[in-house]
Amino acid sequence: MPLGSGGAGGLGAIGMFIMPISIAVMLLKQPPGPVSKLIKAGALDPETARRTERLEIPRPFVLDPFIARGIVHRTPDGRYWVDVERNRRYRRRLAIVAGLVMLAILVSGWLLWPFLVPPPKEI
């Protein structure tokens, strides 16, 4: 079955390819997050922990979700450091879950495709 243009003209189907690429580009152009700023600054243990003000993290509360997961730790004097191994495990787990969700969507779309398209017209 040919790709339809959806009423947008002959080039309308190209949007199906442009949209995922543009989303990937937008994600890659995002500024670094607070955890990556801590890692780049070398805050990898309590001795090398850094203050958020020096790392251009204006609001320390953005680290709260990472503190709750045990990825970022706060020292008693208010400095922060990253547990790199735990961060790596979290990111790997997140990538696996996202991949499984995408696989489930693709498989369900493949299985449901005959029910989603209109039946062929009889001549």
PDB file of N, CA and C in Angstrom:
ATOM      1  N   MET A   1       0.848  -1.171   0.000  1.00  0.00           N
ATOM      2  CA  MET A   1       0.000   0.000   0.000  1.00  0.00           C
ATOM      3  C   MET A   1       0.891   1.231   0.000  1.00  0.00           C
ATOM      4  N   PRO A   2       0.691   2.158  -0.923  1.00  0.00           N
ATOM      5  CA  PRO A   2       1.544   3.348  -0.968  1.00  0.00           C
ATOM      6  C   PRO A   2       1.253   4.279   0.200  1.00  0.00           C
ATOM      7  N   LEU A   3       2.266   5.051   0.555  1.00  0.00           N
ATOM      8  CA  LEU A   3       2.090   6.014   1.636  1.00  0.00           C
ATOM      9  C   LEU A   3       1.234   7.166   1.135  1.00  0.00           C
ATOM     10  N   GLY A   4       0.165   7.461   1.824  1.00  0.00           N
ATOM     11  CA  GLY A   4      -0.709   8.554   1.429  1.00  0.00           C
ATOM     12  C   GLY A   4      -0.152   9.883   1.898  1.00  0.00           C
ATOM     13  N   SER A   5      -0.584  10.934   1.230  1.00  0.00           N
ATOM     14  CA  SER A   5      -0.094  12.258   1.593  1.00  0.00           C
ATOM     15  C   SER A   5      -0.940  12.884   2.674  1.00  0.00           C
ATOM     16  N   GLY A   6      -2.098  12.303   2.971  1.00  0.00           N
ATOM     17  CA  GLY A   6      -2.954  12.861   3.995  1.00  0.00           C
ATOM     18  C   GLY A   6      -3.582  14.179   3.570  1.00  0.00           C
ATOM     19  N   GLY A   7      -3.672  14.419   2.288  1.00  0.00           N
ATOM     20  CA  GLY A   7      -4.257  15.650   1.792  1.00  0.00           C
ATOM     21  C   GLY A   7      -3.301  16.820   1.782  1.00  0.00           C
ATOM     22  N   ALA A   8      -2.046  16.593   2.112  1.00  0.00           N
ATOM     23  CA  ALA A   8      -1.076  17.683   2.191  1.00  0.00           C
ATOM     24  C   ALA A   8      -0.243  17.787   0.926  1.00  0.00           C
ATOM     25  N   GLY A   9      -0.611  17.099  -0.110  1.00  0.00           N
ATOM     26  CA  GLY A   9       0.173  17.138  -1.330  1.00  0.00           C
ATOM     27  C   GLY A   9       1.144  15.977  -1.388  1.00  0.00           C
ATOM     28  N   GLY A  10       1.897  15.927  -2.463  1.00  0.00           N
ATOM     29  CA  GLY A  10       2.821  14.823  -2.685  1.00  0.00           C
ATOM     30  C   GLY A  10       3.941  14.744  -1.678  1.00  0.00           C
ATOM     31  N   LEU A  11       4.333  15.875  -1.117  1.00  0.00           N
ATOM     32  CA  LEU A  11       5.447  15.867  -0.170  1.00  0.00           C
ATOM     33  C   LEU A  11       4.988  15.696   1.269  1.00  0.00           C
ATOM     34  N   GLY A  12       3.689  15.554   1.490  1.00  0.00           N
ATOM     35  CA  GLY A  12       3.177  15.419   2.849  1.00  0.00           C
ATOM     36  C   GLY A  12       3.689  14.183   3.558  1.00  0.00           C
ATOM     37  N   ALA A  13       3.943  13.114   2.815  1.00  0.00           N
ATOM     38  CA  ALA A  13       4.421  11.874   3.422  1.00  0.00           C
ATOM     39  C   ALA A  13       5.851  11.999   3.923  1.00  0.00           C
ATOM     40  N   ILE A  14       6.576  12.985   3.429  1.00  0.00           N
ATOM     41  CA  ILE A  14       7.956  13.165   3.886  1.00  0.00           C
ATOM     42  C   ILE A  14       7.988  13.553   5.359  1.00  0.00           C
ATOM     43  N   GLY A  15       6.915  14.195   5.832  1.00  0.00           N
ATOM     44  CA  GLY A  15       6.843  14.569   7.243  1.00  0.00           C
ATOM     45  C   GLY A  15       6.962  13.384   8.171  1.00  0.00           C
ATOM     46  N   MET A  16       6.550  12.215   7.691  1.00  0.00           N
ATOM     47  CA  MET A  16       6.661  10.998   8.479  1.00  0.00           C
ATOM     48  C   MET A  16       8.125  10.688   8.791  1.00  0.00           C
ATOM     49  N   PHE A  17       9.025  11.106   7.920  1.00  0.00           N
ATOM     50  CA  PHE A  17      10.447  10.867   8.135  1.00  0.00           C
ATOM     51  C   PHE A  17      11.121  12.061   8.805  1.00  0.00           C
ATOM     52  N   ILE A  18      10.631  13.257   8.507  1.00  0.00           N
ATOM     53  CA  ILE A  18      11.254  14.465   9.050  1.00  0.00           C
ATOM     54  C   ILE A  18      10.978  14.616  10.542  1.00  0.00           C
ATOM     55  N   MET A  19       9.769  14.282  10.988  1.00  0.00           N
ATOM     56  CA  MET A  19       9.401  14.484  12.388  1.00  0.00           C
ATOM     57  C   MET A  19      10.312  13.714  13.354  1.00  0.00           C
ATOM     58  N   PRO A  20      10.557  12.408  13.187  1.00  0.00           N
ATOM     59  CA  PRO A  20      11.450  11.721  14.127  1.00  0.00           C
ATOM     60  C   PRO A  20      12.869  12.280  14.105  1.00  0.00           C
ATOM     61  N   ILE A  21      13.332  12.681  12.928  1.00  0.00           N
ATOM     62  CA  ILE A  21      14.676  13.249  12.838  1.00  0.00           C
ATOM     63  C   ILE A  21      14.736  14.573  13.579  1.00  0.00           C
ATOM     64  N   SER A  22      13.708  15.405  13.415  1.00  0.00           N
ATOM     65  CA  SER A  22      13.718  16.701  14.098  1.00  0.00           C
ATOM     66  C   SER A  22      13.607  16.535  15.605  1.00  0.00           C
ATOM     67  N   ILE A  23      12.866  15.551  16.069  1.00  0.00           N
ATOM     68  CA  ILE A  23      12.781  15.294  17.507  1.00  0.00           C
ATOM     69  C   ILE A  23      14.141  14.854  18.035  1.00  0.00           C
ATOM     70  N   ALA A  24      14.841  13.993  17.313  1.00  0.00           N
ATOM     71  CA  ALA A  24      16.172  13.554  17.739  1.00  0.00           C
ATOM     72  C   ALA A  24      17.139  14.725  17.783  1.00  0.00           C
ATOM     73  N   VAL A  25      17.071  15.615  16.803  1.00  0.00           N
ATOM     74  CA  VAL A  25      17.957  16.786  16.796  1.00  0.00           C
ATOM     75  C   VAL A  25      17.654  17.687  17.985  1.00  0.00           C
ATOM     76  N   MET A  26      16.374  17.885  18.291  1.00  0.00           N
ATOM     77  CA  MET A  26      16.010  18.722  19.437  1.00  0.00           C
ATOM     78  C   MET A  26      16.534  18.122  20.736  1.00  0.00           C
ATOM     79  N   LEU A  27      16.452  16.800  20.866  1.00  0.00           N
ATOM     80  CA  LEU A  27      16.951  16.155  22.080  1.00  0.00           C
ATOM     81  C   LEU A  27      18.464  16.288  22.194  1.00  0.00           C
ATOM     82  N   LEU A  28      19.164  16.196  21.078  1.00  0.00           N
ATOM     83  CA  LEU A  28      20.623  16.299  21.110  1.00  0.00           C
ATOM     84  C   LEU A  28      21.092  17.719  21.388  1.00  0.00           C
ATOM     85  N   LYS A  29      20.277  18.715  21.060  1.00  0.00           N
ATOM     86  CA  LYS A  29      20.676  20.100  21.258  1.00  0.00           C
ATOM     87  C   LYS A  29      20.319  20.627  22.646  1.00  0.00           C
ATOM     88  N   GLN A  30      19.713  19.799  23.481  1.00  0.00           N
ATOM     89  CA  GLN A  30      19.349  20.230  24.822  1.00  0.00           C
ATOM     90  C   GLN A  30      20.602  20.583  25.616  1.00  0.00           C
ATOM     91  N   PRO A  31      20.515  21.600  26.474  1.00  0.00           N
ATOM     92  CA  PRO A  31      21.671  21.912  27.312  1.00  0.00           C
ATOM     93  C   PRO A  31      21.918  20.773  28.303  1.00  0.00           C
ATOM     94  N   PRO A  32      23.148  20.648  28.780  1.00  0.00           N
ATOM     95  CA  PRO A  32      23.443  19.559  29.713  1.00  0.00           C
ATOM     96  C   PRO A  32      22.650  19.708  31.003  1.00  0.00           C
ATOM     97  N   GLY A  33      22.232  18.576  31.533  1.00  0.00           N
ATOM     98  CA  GLY A  33      21.460  18.578  32.765  1.00  0.00           C
ATOM     99  C   GLY A  33      22.355  18.730  33.982  1.00  0.00           C
ATOM    100  N   PRO A  34      21.749  18.814  35.161  1.00  0.00           N
ATOM    101  CA  PRO A  34      22.534  19.036  36.376  1.00  0.00           C
ATOM    102  C   PRO A  34      23.481  17.885  36.706  1.00  0.00           C
ATOM    103  N   VAL A  35      23.077  16.656  36.407  1.00  0.00           N
ATOM    104  CA  VAL A  35      23.949  15.517  36.711  1.00  0.00           C
ATOM    105  C   VAL A  35      25.181  15.549  35.822  1.00  0.00           C
ATOM    106  N   SER A  36      25.000  15.838  34.543  1.00  0.00           N
ATOM    107  CA  SER A  36      26.167  15.897  33.655  1.00  0.00           C
ATOM    108  C   SER A  36      27.072  17.071  34.010  1.00  0.00           C
ATOM    109  N   LYS A  37      26.509  18.163  34.511  1.00  0.00           N
ATOM    110  CA  LYS A  37      27.345  19.284  34.954  1.00  0.00           C
ATOM    111  C   LYS A  37      28.199  18.874  36.151  1.00  0.00           C
ATOM    112  N   LEU A  38      27.612  18.111  37.069  1.00  0.00           N
ATOM    113  CA  LEU A  38      28.380  17.629  38.221  1.00  0.00           C
ATOM    114  C   LEU A  38      29.481  16.667  37.774  1.00  0.00           C
ATOM    115  N   ILE A  39      29.170  15.792  36.829  1.00  0.00           N
ATOM    116  CA  ILE A  39      30.171  14.836  36.351  1.00  0.00           C
ATOM    117  C   ILE A  39      31.306  15.563  35.650  1.00  0.00           C
ATOM    118  N   LYS A  40      30.972  16.534  34.787  1.00  0.00           N
ATOM    119  CA  LYS A  40      32.011  17.286  34.078  1.00  0.00           C
ATOM    120  C   LYS A  40      32.889  18.074  35.035  1.00  0.00           C
ATOM    121  N   ALA A  41      32.310  18.499  36.159  1.00  0.00           N
ATOM    122  CA  ALA A  41      33.092  19.242  37.146  1.00  0.00           C
ATOM    123  C   ALA A  41      33.948  18.318  38.004  1.00  0.00           C
ATOM    124  N   GLY A  42      33.754  17.009  37.866  1.00  0.00           N
ATOM    125  CA  GLY A  42      34.561  16.058  38.621  1.00  0.00           C
ATOM    126  C   GLY A  42      34.024  15.764  40.008  1.00  0.00           C
ATOM    127  N   ALA A  43      32.753  16.058  40.262  1.00  0.00           N
ATOM    128  CA  ALA A  43      32.147  15.804  41.572  1.00  0.00           C
ATOM    129  C   ALA A  43      31.691  14.350  41.629  1.00  0.00           C
ATOM    130  N   LEU A  44      32.664  13.454  41.859  1.00  0.00           N
ATOM    131  CA  LEU A  44      32.388  12.024  41.780  1.00  0.00           C
ATOM    132  C   LEU A  44      32.480  11.304  43.118  1.00  0.00           C
ATOM    133  N   ASP A  45      32.853  11.993  44.164  1.00  0.00           N
ATOM    134  CA  ASP A  45      32.889  11.417  45.501  1.00  0.00           C
ATOM    135  C   ASP A  45      32.778  12.558  46.513  1.00  0.00           C
ATOM    136  N   PRO A  46      32.603  12.245  47.795  1.00  0.00           N
ATOM    137  CA  PRO A  46      32.424  13.319  48.783  1.00  0.00           C
ATOM    138  C   PRO A  46      33.599  14.300  48.856  1.00  0.00           C
ATOM    139  N   GLU A  47      34.802  13.839  48.560  1.00  0.00           N
ATOM    140  CA  GLU A  47      35.958  14.732  48.630  1.00  0.00           C
ATOM    141  C   GLU A  47      35.970  15.748  47.494  1.00  0.00           C
ATOM    142  N   THR A  48      35.448  15.372  46.328  1.00  0.00           N
ATOM    143  CA  THR A  48      35.458  16.278  45.174  1.00  0.00           C
ATOM    144  C   THR A  48      34.090  16.911  44.927  1.00  0.00           C
ATOM    145  N   ALA A  49      33.183  16.825  45.898  1.00  0.00           N
ATOM    146  CA  ALA A  49      31.837  17.379  45.738  1.00  0.00           C
ATOM    147  C   ALA A  49      31.908  18.880  45.478  1.00  0.00           C
ATOM    148  N   ARG A  50      30.923  19.388  44.762  1.00  0.00           N
ATOM    149  CA  ARG A  50      30.890  20.799  44.367  1.00  0.00           C
ATOM    150  C   ARG A  50      29.588  21.447  44.814  1.00  0.00           C
ATOM    151  N   ARG A  51      29.641  22.757  44.928  1.00  0.00           N
ATOM    152  CA  ARG A  51      28.438  23.543  45.221  1.00  0.00           C
ATOM    153  C   ARG A  51      27.717  23.842  43.912  1.00  0.00           C
ATOM    154  N   THR A  52      26.396  23.912  43.992  1.00  0.00           N
ATOM    155  CA  THR A  52      25.603  24.128  42.777  1.00  0.00           C
ATOM    156  C   THR A  52      25.812  25.520  42.198  1.00  0.00           C
ATOM    157  N   GLU A  53      26.085  26.502  43.032  1.00  0.00           N
ATOM    158  CA  GLU A  53      26.254  27.869  42.537  1.00  0.00           C
ATOM    159  C   GLU A  53      27.439  27.968  41.578  1.00  0.00           C
ATOM    160  N   ARG A  54      28.462  27.203  41.820  1.00  0.00           N
ATOM    161  CA  ARG A  54      29.662  27.258  40.980  1.00  0.00           C
ATOM    162  C   ARG A  54      29.503  26.495  39.668  1.00  0.00           C
ATOM    163  N   LEU A  55      28.458  25.699  39.564  1.00  0.00           N
ATOM    164  CA  LEU A  55      28.266  24.864  38.375  1.00  0.00           C
ATOM    165  C   LEU A  55      27.136  25.369  37.486  1.00  0.00           C
ATOM    166  N   GLU A  56      26.703  26.586  37.689  1.00  0.00           N
ATOM    167  CA  GLU A  56      25.600  27.162  36.920  1.00  0.00           C
ATOM    168  C   GLU A  56      24.325  26.329  37.054  1.00  0.00           C
ATOM    169  N   ILE A  57      24.077  25.830  38.256  1.00  0.00           N
ATOM    170  CA  ILE A  57      22.807  25.187  38.595  1.00  0.00           C
ATOM    171  C   ILE A  57      22.134  26.153  39.564  1.00  0.00           C
ATOM    172  N   PRO A  58      21.300  27.067  39.054  1.00  0.00           N
ATOM    173  CA  PRO A  58      20.779  28.140  39.900  1.00  0.00           C
ATOM    174  C   PRO A  58      19.806  27.673  40.974  1.00  0.00           C
ATOM    175  N   ARG A  59      19.084  26.584  40.727  1.00  0.00           N
ATOM    176  CA  ARG A  59      18.097  26.105  41.684  1.00  0.00           C
ATOM    177  C   ARG A  59      18.449  24.673  42.087  1.00  0.00           C
ATOM    178  N   PRO A  60      18.940  24.484  43.293  1.00  0.00           N
ATOM    179  CA  PRO A  60      19.350  23.129  43.704  1.00  0.00           C
ATOM    180  C   PRO A  60      18.208  22.120  43.769  1.00  0.00           C
ATOM    181  N   PHE A  61      16.956  22.589  43.820  1.00  0.00           N
ATOM    182  CA  PHE A  61      15.853  21.634  43.913  1.00  0.00           C
ATOM    183  C   PHE A  61      15.710  20.770  42.660  1.00  0.00           C
ATOM    184  N   VAL A  62      16.358  21.150  41.559  1.00  0.00           N
ATOM    185  CA  VAL A  62      16.301  20.295  40.360  1.00  0.00           C
ATOM    186  C   VAL A  62      17.051  18.981  40.588  1.00  0.00           C
ATOM    187  N   LEU A  63      17.866  18.925  41.616  1.00  0.00           N
ATOM    188  CA  LEU A  63      18.604  17.699  41.934  1.00  0.00           C
ATOM    189  C   LEU A  63      17.794  16.744  42.811  1.00  0.00           C
ATOM    190  N   ASP A  64      16.648  17.201  43.339  1.00  0.00           N
ATOM    191  CA  ASP A  64      15.872  16.376  44.265  1.00  0.00           C
ATOM    192  C   ASP A  64      15.465  15.017  43.695  1.00  0.00           C
ATOM    193  N   PRO A  65      14.991  14.912  42.443  1.00  0.00           N
ATOM    194  CA  PRO A  65      14.654  13.570  41.932  1.00  0.00           C
ATOM    195  C   PRO A  65      15.864  12.637  41.864  1.00  0.00           C
ATOM    196  N   PHE A  66      17.028  13.198  41.563  1.00  0.00           N
ATOM    197  CA  PHE A  66      18.239  12.379  41.484  1.00  0.00           C
ATOM    198  C   PHE A  66      18.726  11.991  42.880  1.00  0.00           C
ATOM    199  N   ILE A  67      18.503  12.865  43.846  1.00  0.00           N
ATOM    200  CA  ILE A  67      18.842  12.532  45.233  1.00  0.00           C
ATOM    201  C   ILE A  67      17.934  11.403  45.713  1.00  0.00           C
ATOM    202  N   ALA A  68      16.646  11.479  45.369  1.00  0.00           N
ATOM    203  CA  ALA A  68      15.698  10.437  45.778  1.00  0.00           C
ATOM    204  C   ALA A  68      16.064   9.081  45.176  1.00  0.00           C
ATOM    205  N   ARG A  69      16.639   9.063  43.971  1.00  0.00           N
ATOM    206  CA  ARG A  69      17.046   7.804  43.329  1.00  0.00           C
ATOM    207  C   ARG A  69      18.416   7.334  43.801  1.00  0.00           C
ATOM    208  N   GLY A  70      19.115   8.148  44.549  1.00  0.00           N
ATOM    209  CA  GLY A  70      20.442   7.773  45.023  1.00  0.00           C
ATOM    210  C   GLY A  70      21.539   8.013  44.010  1.00  0.00           C
ATOM    211  N   ILE A  71      21.244   8.771  42.955  1.00  0.00           N
ATOM    212  CA  ILE A  71      22.247   9.072  41.938  1.00  0.00           C
ATOM    213  C   ILE A  71      23.137  10.217  42.398  1.00  0.00           C
ATOM    214  N   VAL A  72      22.525  11.236  42.983  1.00  0.00           N
ATOM    215  CA  VAL A  72      23.255  12.396  43.502  1.00  0.00           C
ATOM    216  C   VAL A  72      23.169  12.358  45.020  1.00  0.00           C
ATOM    217  N   HIS A  73      24.272  12.689  45.667  1.00  0.00           N
ATOM    218  CA  HIS A  73      24.322  12.723  47.129  1.00  0.00           C
ATOM    219  C   HIS A  73      24.698  14.122  47.579  1.00  0.00           C
ATOM    220  N   ARG A  74      24.164  14.520  48.730  1.00  0.00           N
ATOM    221  CA  ARG A  74      24.453  15.838  49.296  1.00  0.00           C
ATOM    222  C   ARG A  74      25.283  15.651  50.559  1.00  0.00           C
ATOM    223  N   THR A  75      26.358  16.420  50.642  1.00  0.00           N
ATOM    224  CA  THR A  75      27.196  16.370  51.838  1.00  0.00           C
ATOM    225  C   THR A  75      26.580  17.270  52.907  1.00  0.00           C
ATOM    226  N   PRO A  76      26.964  17.089  54.167  1.00  0.00           N
ATOM    227  CA  PRO A  76      26.399  17.931  55.232  1.00  0.00           C
ATOM    228  C   PRO A  76      26.663  19.432  55.039  1.00  0.00           C
ATOM    229  N   ASP A  77      27.736  19.780  54.342  1.00  0.00           N
ATOM    230  CA  ASP A  77      28.033  21.204  54.153  1.00  0.00           C
ATOM    231  C   ASP A  77      27.389  21.774  52.886  1.00  0.00           C
ATOM    232  N   GLY A  78      26.501  21.029  52.212  1.00  0.00           N
ATOM    233  CA  GLY A  78      25.738  21.566  51.088  1.00  0.00           C
ATOM    234  C   GLY A  78      26.353  21.367  49.721  1.00  0.00           C
ATOM    235  N   ARG A  79      27.363  20.514  49.618  1.00  0.00           N
ATOM    236  CA  ARG A  79      27.946  20.215  48.309  1.00  0.00           C
ATOM    237  C   ARG A  79      27.316  18.933  47.777  1.00  0.00           C
ATOM    238  N   TYR A  80      27.412  18.747  46.454  1.00  0.00           N
ATOM    239  CA  TYR A  80      26.776  17.605  45.798  1.00  0.00           C
ATOM    240  C   TYR A  80      27.801  16.807  45.010  1.00  0.00           C
ATOM    241  N   TRP A  81      27.570  15.486  44.928  1.00  0.00           N
ATOM    242  CA  TRP A  81      28.414  14.620  44.110  1.00  0.00           C
ATOM    243  C   TRP A  81      27.560  13.508  43.498  1.00  0.00           C
ATOM    244  N   VAL A  82      28.083  12.880  42.441  1.00  0.00           N
ATOM    245  CA  VAL A  82      27.338  11.887  41.662  1.00  0.00           C
ATOM    246  C   VAL A  82      27.931  10.498  41.871  1.00  0.00           C
ATOM    247  N   ASP A  83      27.054   9.535  42.117  1.00  0.00           N
ATOM    248  CA  ASP A  83      27.446   8.126  42.119  1.00  0.00           C
ATOM    249  C   ASP A  83      27.375   7.661  40.662  1.00  0.00           C
ATOM    250  N   VAL A  84      28.515   7.635  39.993  1.00  0.00           N
ATOM    251  CA  VAL A  84      28.563   7.389  38.549  1.00  0.00           C
ATOM    252  C   VAL A  84      28.045   5.995  38.200  1.00  0.00           C
ATOM    253  N   GLU A  85      28.381   5.002  38.986  1.00  0.00           N
ATOM    254  CA  GLU A  85      27.932   3.641  38.688  1.00  0.00           C
ATOM    255  C   GLU A  85      26.410   3.535  38.794  1.00  0.00           C
ATOM    256  N   ARG A  86      25.847   4.155  39.807  1.00  0.00           N
ATOM    257  CA  ARG A  86      24.385   4.129  39.953  1.00  0.00           C
ATOM    258  C   ARG A  86      23.705   4.902  38.818  1.00  0.00           C
ATOM    259  N   ASN A  87      24.315   6.015  38.399  1.00  0.00           N
ATOM    260  CA  ASN A  87      23.794   6.786  37.271  1.00  0.00           C
ATOM    261  C   ASN A  87      23.830   5.947  35.999  1.00  0.00           C
ATOM    262  N   ARG A  88      24.905   5.209  35.803  1.00  0.00           N
ATOM    263  CA  ARG A  88      25.035   4.355  34.622  1.00  0.00           C
ATOM    264  C   ARG A  88      23.962   3.263  34.624  1.00  0.00           C
ATOM    265  N   ARG A  89      23.746   2.640  35.789  1.00  0.00           N
ATOM    266  CA  ARG A  89      22.721   1.600  35.885  1.00  0.00           C
ATOM    267  C   ARG A  89      21.322   2.168  35.616  1.00  0.00           C
ATOM    268  N   TYR A  90      21.045   3.373  36.156  1.00  0.00           N
ATOM    269  CA  TYR A  90      19.746   4.008  35.950  1.00  0.00           C
ATOM    270  C   TYR A  90      19.521   4.316  34.477  1.00  0.00           C
ATOM    271  N   ARG A  91      20.531   4.868  33.815  1.00  0.00           N
ATOM    272  CA  ARG A  91      20.397   5.218  32.400  1.00  0.00           C
ATOM    273  C   ARG A  91      20.237   3.966  31.536  1.00  0.00           C
ATOM    274  N   ARG A  92      20.941   2.898  31.875  1.00  0.00           N
ATOM    275  CA  ARG A  92      20.814   1.641  31.139  1.00  0.00           C
ATOM    276  C   ARG A  92      19.406   1.071  31.309  1.00  0.00           C
ATOM    277  N   ARG A  93      18.904   1.083  32.543  1.00  0.00           N
ATOM    278  CA  ARG A  93      17.561   0.575  32.807  1.00  0.00           C
ATOM    279  C   ARG A  93      16.513   1.408  32.060  1.00  0.00           C
ATOM    280  N   LEU A  94      16.695   2.722  32.054  1.00  0.00           N
ATOM    281  CA  LEU A  94      15.775   3.608  31.345  1.00  0.00           C
ATOM    282  C   LEU A  94      15.788   3.328  29.843  1.00  0.00           C
ATOM    283  N   ALA A  95      16.966   3.097  29.276  1.00  0.00           N
ATOM    284  CA  ALA A  95      17.070   2.799  27.847  1.00  0.00           C
ATOM    285  C   ALA A  95      16.416   1.457  27.517  1.00  0.00           C
ATOM    286  N   ILE A  96      16.578   0.469  28.383  1.00  0.00           N
ATOM    287  CA  ILE A  96      15.963  -0.841  28.154  1.00  0.00           C
ATOM    288  C   ILE A  96      14.444  -0.735  28.194  1.00  0.00           C
ATOM    289  N   VAL A  97      13.920  -0.011  29.183  1.00  0.00           N
ATOM    290  CA  VAL A  97      12.467   0.148  29.286  1.00  0.00           C
ATOM    291  C   VAL A  97      11.927   0.895  28.071  1.00  0.00           C
ATOM    292  N   ALA A  98      12.606   1.969  27.656  1.00  0.00           N
ATOM    293  CA  ALA A  98      12.158   2.723  26.479  1.00  0.00           C
ATOM    294  C   ALA A  98      12.202   1.847  25.228  1.00  0.00           C
ATOM    295  N   GLY A  99      13.231   1.031  25.091  1.00  0.00           N
ATOM    296  CA  GLY A  99      13.326   0.125  23.949  1.00  0.00           C
ATOM    297  C   GLY A  99      12.222  -0.917  23.951  1.00  0.00           C
ATOM    298  N   LEU A 100      11.903  -1.457  25.124  1.00  0.00           N
ATOM    299  CA  LEU A 100      10.823  -2.446  25.207  1.00  0.00           C
ATOM    300  C   LEU A 100       9.468  -1.821  24.893  1.00  0.00           C
ATOM    301  N   VAL A 101       9.257  -0.590  25.350  1.00  0.00           N
ATOM    302  CA  VAL A 101       8.000   0.098  25.034  1.00  0.00           C
ATOM    303  C   VAL A 101       7.890   0.323  23.529  1.00  0.00           C
ATOM    304  N   MET A 102       8.979   0.775  22.910  1.00  0.00           N
ATOM    305  CA  MET A 102       8.962   0.984  21.458  1.00  0.00           C
ATOM    306  C   MET A 102       8.721  -0.334  20.716  1.00  0.00           C
ATOM    307  N   LEU A 103       9.355  -1.406  21.172  1.00  0.00           N
ATOM    308  CA  LEU A 103       9.148  -2.713  20.549  1.00  0.00           C
ATOM    309  C   LEU A 103       7.689  -3.148  20.678  1.00  0.00           C
ATOM    310  N   ALA A 104       7.097  -2.930  21.855  1.00  0.00           N
ATOM    311  CA  ALA A 104       5.696  -3.294  22.056  1.00  0.00           C
ATOM    312  C   ALA A 104       4.781  -2.483  21.146  1.00  0.00           C
ATOM    313  N   ILE A 105       5.078  -1.192  20.981  1.00  0.00           N
ATOM    314  CA  ILE A 105       4.269  -0.354  20.091  1.00  0.00           C
ATOM    315  C   ILE A 105       4.401  -0.832  18.649  1.00  0.00           C
ATOM    316  N   LEU A 106       5.625  -1.131  18.222  1.00  0.00           N
ATOM    317  CA  LEU A 106       5.831  -1.590  16.847  1.00  0.00           C
ATOM    318  C   LEU A 106       5.153  -2.930  16.585  1.00  0.00           C
ATOM    319  N   VAL A 107       5.284  -3.864  17.514  1.00  0.00           N
ATOM    320  CA  VAL A 107       4.672  -5.184  17.331  1.00  0.00           C
ATOM    321  C   VAL A 107       3.154  -5.064  17.327  1.00  0.00           C
ATOM    322  N   SER A 108       2.600  -4.267  18.250  1.00  0.00           N
ATOM    323  CA  SER A 108       1.141  -4.125  18.271  1.00  0.00           C
ATOM    324  C   SER A 108       0.646  -3.423  17.010  1.00  0.00           C
ATOM    325  N   GLY A 109       1.393  -2.443  16.514  1.00  0.00           N
ATOM    326  CA  GLY A 109       1.015  -1.796  15.258  1.00  0.00           C
ATOM    327  C   GLY A 109       1.065  -2.764  14.091  1.00  0.00           C
ATOM    328  N   TRP A 110       2.077  -3.611  14.085  1.00  0.00           N
ATOM    329  CA  TRP A 110       2.210  -4.602  13.015  1.00  0.00           C
ATOM    330  C   TRP A 110       1.061  -5.612  13.064  1.00  0.00           C
ATOM    331  N   LEU A 111       0.707  -6.038  14.288  1.00  0.00           N
ATOM    332  CA  LEU A 111      -0.377  -7.011  14.427  1.00  0.00           C
ATOM    333  C   LEU A 111      -1.745  -6.397  14.138  1.00  0.00           C
ATOM    334  N   LEU A 112      -1.919  -5.128  14.476  1.00  0.00           N
ATOM    335  CA  LEU A 112      -3.218  -4.482  14.297  1.00  0.00           C
ATOM    336  C   LEU A 112      -3.379  -3.807  12.941  1.00  0.00           C
ATOM    337  N   TRP A 113      -2.315  -3.745  12.147  1.00  0.00           N
ATOM    338  CA  TRP A 113      -2.373  -3.047  10.865  1.00  0.00           C
ATOM    339  C   TRP A 113      -3.531  -3.509   9.975  1.00  0.00           C
ATOM    340  N   PRO A 114      -3.792  -4.812   9.848  1.00  0.00           N
ATOM    341  CA  PRO A 114      -4.916  -5.230   8.979  1.00  0.00           C
ATOM    342  C   PRO A 114      -6.266  -4.685   9.447  1.00  0.00           C
ATOM    343  N   PHE A 115      -6.402  -4.402  10.735  1.00  0.00           N
ATOM    344  CA  PHE A 115      -7.675  -3.909  11.257  1.00  0.00           C
ATOM    345  C   PHE A 115      -7.768  -2.383  11.209  1.00  0.00           C
ATOM    346  N   LEU A 116      -6.643  -1.703  10.995  1.00  0.00           N
ATOM    347  CA  LEU A 116      -6.622  -0.246  11.003  1.00  0.00           C
ATOM    348  C   LEU A 116      -6.781   0.368   9.622  1.00  0.00           C
ATOM    349  N   VAL A 117      -6.428  -0.356   8.586  1.00  0.00           N
ATOM    350  CA  VAL A 117      -6.514   0.183   7.230  1.00  0.00           C
ATOM    351  C   VAL A 117      -7.872  -0.177   6.635  1.00  0.00           C
ATOM    352  N   PRO A 118      -8.380   0.654   5.748  1.00  0.00           N
ATOM    353  CA  PRO A 118      -9.670   0.309   5.120  1.00  0.00           C
ATOM    354  C   PRO A 118      -9.509  -0.907   4.217  1.00  0.00           C
ATOM    355  N   PRO A 119     -10.557  -1.678   4.095  1.00  0.00           N
ATOM    356  CA  PRO A 119     -10.463  -2.865   3.223  1.00  0.00           C
ATOM    357  C   PRO A 119     -10.289  -2.436   1.772  1.00  0.00           C
ATOM    358  N   PRO A 120      -9.636  -3.258   0.970  1.00  0.00           N
ATOM    359  CA  PRO A 120      -9.435  -2.902  -0.441  1.00  0.00           C
ATOM    360  C   PRO A 120     -10.776  -2.813  -1.173  1.00  0.00           C
ATOM    361  N   LYS A 121     -10.843  -1.864  -2.079  1.00  0.00           N
ATOM    362  CA  LYS A 121     -12.072  -1.687  -2.862  1.00  0.00           C
ATOM    363  C   LYS A 121     -12.143  -2.774  -3.934  1.00  0.00           C
ATOM    364  N   GLU A 122     -13.304  -3.325  -4.071  1.00  0.00           N
ATOM    365  CA  GLU A 122     -13.495  -4.349  -5.098  1.00  0.00           C
ATOM    366  C   GLU A 122     -13.829  -3.668  -6.411  1.00  0.00           C
ATOM    367  N   ILE A 123     -13.257  -4.165  -7.450  1.00  0.00           N
ATOM    368  CA  ILE A 123     -13.479  -3.569  -8.777  1.00  0.00           C
ATOM    369  C   ILE A 123     -14.598  -4.284  -9.486  1.00  0.00           C
TER     370      ILE A 123
END
